[in-house]
Amino acid sequence: MLLAANIVIALVALLHVYFLVLEMFLWTRPAGRKAFGLSVEQAESTKVLAANQGLYNGFLAAGLVWGLALGAAGTPQKLFFLGCVLIAGLYGAATASRKILFIQGLPAAIGLALVALG
């Protein structure tokens, strides 16, 4: 169970690194605009906010990697950062797009369940 939990946690961390790249570096480029369904004007007017959001996604990824690096002693960090990701996914689903629940919230919930069972 521990191996499965760590694999899911690593995937959640990689997903948040991907979000960081999209939001901080690709927001105004075609890939970023396509991922978020933005016009050129929308992307330009929100790029500072997106970069800030990307930075927070980077912190989530760093926290998950920290938990993984600590091994068994990293369980509290894993639970905390997965919980943060789950809450962000729930909030995003309620305020922005239901798709966020499945892209961000569900993987975090699976990770939390696996850590709890491990």
Protein backbone atom coordinates (compact mmCIF):
# COMPACT_ATOMS: atom_id res chain seq x y z
CA MET A 1 0.00 0.00 0.00
CA LEU A 2 2.90 2.35 0.79
CA LEU A 3 4.31 1.98 -2.72
CA ALA A 4 0.92 2.73 -4.30
CA ALA A 5 0.50 5.78 -2.03
CA ASN A 6 3.94 7.08 -2.93
CA ILE A 7 3.29 6.60 -6.65
CA VAL A 8 0.03 8.56 -6.42
CA ILE A 9 1.73 11.28 -4.35
CA ALA A 10 4.52 11.56 -6.93
CA LEU A 11 1.94 11.84 -9.71
CA VAL A 12 0.04 14.56 -7.80
CA ALA A 13 3.33 16.42 -7.29
CA LEU A 14 4.19 16.14 -11.00
CA LEU A 15 0.72 17.35 -11.89
CA HIS A 16 1.28 20.45 -9.76
CA VAL A 17 4.66 21.08 -11.36
CA TYR A 18 2.82 20.95 -14.68
CA PHE A 19 0.28 23.47 -13.35
CA LEU A 20 3.18 25.70 -12.25
CA VAL A 21 4.69 25.63 -15.74
CA LEU A 22 1.33 26.30 -17.41
CA GLU A 23 0.45 29.18 -15.09
CA MET A 24 3.83 30.82 -14.66
CA PHE A 25 5.47 30.34 -18.05
CA LEU A 26 2.88 29.31 -20.66
CA TRP A 27 -0.19 31.30 -19.60
CA THR A 28 -0.10 33.73 -22.53
CA ARG A 29 1.22 31.20 -25.04
CA PRO A 30 -1.02 28.95 -27.14
CA ALA A 31 -0.58 25.90 -24.86
CA GLY A 32 -1.56 27.85 -21.75
CA ARG A 33 -4.45 29.63 -23.42
CA LYS A 34 -5.76 26.35 -24.82
CA ALA A 35 -5.49 24.55 -21.46
CA PHE A 36 -7.57 27.20 -19.73
CA GLY A 37 -9.77 28.30 -22.64
CA LEU A 38 -8.50 31.89 -22.67
CA SER A 39 -8.40 34.53 -25.34
CA VAL A 40 -5.19 36.46 -25.88
CA GLU A 41 -6.73 39.44 -24.08
CA GLN A 42 -7.88 37.37 -21.09
CA ALA A 43 -4.49 35.72 -20.75
CA GLU A 44 -2.64 39.03 -20.90
CA SER A 45 -4.89 40.70 -18.35
CA THR A 46 -4.61 37.80 -15.87
CA LYS A 47 -1.00 36.71 -16.30
CA VAL A 48 0.19 38.14 -12.96
CA LEU A 49 -2.62 36.38 -11.09
CA ALA A 50 -1.88 33.14 -12.94
CA ALA A 51 1.82 33.34 -12.10
CA ASN A 52 0.92 33.77 -8.43
CA GLN A 53 -1.37 30.75 -8.61
CA GLY A 54 1.39 28.78 -10.35
CA LEU A 55 3.78 29.60 -7.53
CA TYR A 56 1.31 28.19 -5.00
CA ASN A 57 1.02 25.01 -7.07
CA GLY A 58 4.80 24.78 -6.91
CA PHE A 59 4.66 24.98 -3.12
CA LEU A 60 2.16 22.11 -3.07
CA ALA A 61 4.45 20.02 -5.26
CA ALA A 62 7.46 20.86 -3.08
CA GLY A 63 5.59 19.83 0.06
CA LEU A 64 4.62 16.51 -1.45
CA VAL A 65 8.18 15.84 -2.61
CA TRP A 66 9.40 16.76 0.89
CA GLY A 67 7.02 14.19 2.37
CA LEU A 68 8.25 11.56 -0.09
CA ALA A 69 11.90 12.38 0.65
CA LEU A 70 11.31 11.81 4.37
CA GLY A 71 10.07 8.28 3.74
CA ALA A 72 7.91 6.83 6.50
CA ALA A 73 8.65 9.86 8.68
CA GLY A 74 7.02 12.06 6.02
CA THR A 75 3.48 10.82 6.60
CA PRO A 76 2.35 14.05 8.34
CA GLN A 77 3.70 16.15 5.45
CA LYS A 78 2.06 13.88 2.88
CA LEU A 79 -1.30 14.11 4.66
CA PHE A 80 -1.08 17.88 5.09
CA PHE A 81 -0.17 18.68 1.49
CA LEU A 82 -2.60 16.14 0.01
CA GLY A 83 -5.27 17.74 2.20
CA CYS A 84 -4.33 21.16 0.84
CA VAL A 85 -4.56 19.84 -2.72
CA LEU A 86 -7.94 18.26 -2.01
CA ILE A 87 -9.32 21.48 -0.52
CA ALA A 88 -8.00 23.45 -3.50
CA GLY A 89 -9.67 20.95 -5.83
CA LEU A 90 -12.98 21.20 -4.00
CA TYR A 91 -12.84 24.99 -3.98
CA GLY A 92 -11.89 25.12 -7.66
CA ALA A 93 -14.73 22.75 -8.54
CA ALA A 94 -17.21 24.90 -6.62
CA THR A 95 -16.03 28.24 -7.99
CA ALA A 96 -14.42 27.69 -11.39
CA SER A 97 -15.01 24.35 -13.09
CA ARG A 98 -16.25 20.92 -11.99
CA LYS A 99 -13.45 19.45 -14.07
CA ILE A 100 -11.01 20.57 -11.34
CA LEU A 101 -12.60 18.10 -8.94
CA PHE A 102 -11.49 15.22 -11.14
CA ILE A 103 -8.15 16.63 -12.27
CA GLN A 104 -6.94 17.87 -8.88
CA GLY A 105 -9.28 16.74 -6.12
CA LEU A 106 -9.76 13.07 -6.99
CA PRO A 107 -6.04 12.19 -7.23
CA ALA A 108 -5.45 13.90 -3.87
CA ALA A 109 -8.35 12.00 -2.29
CA ILE A 110 -6.96 8.71 -3.63
CA GLY A 111 -3.54 9.61 -2.25
CA LEU A 112 -5.03 10.47 1.15
CA ALA A 113 -6.90 7.16 1.25
CA LEU A 114 -3.81 5.19 0.34
CA VAL A 115 -1.67 6.95 2.93
CA ALA A 116 -4.33 6.37 5.57
CA LEU A 117 -4.53 2.66 4.68
CA GLY A 118 -0.75 2.28 4.59
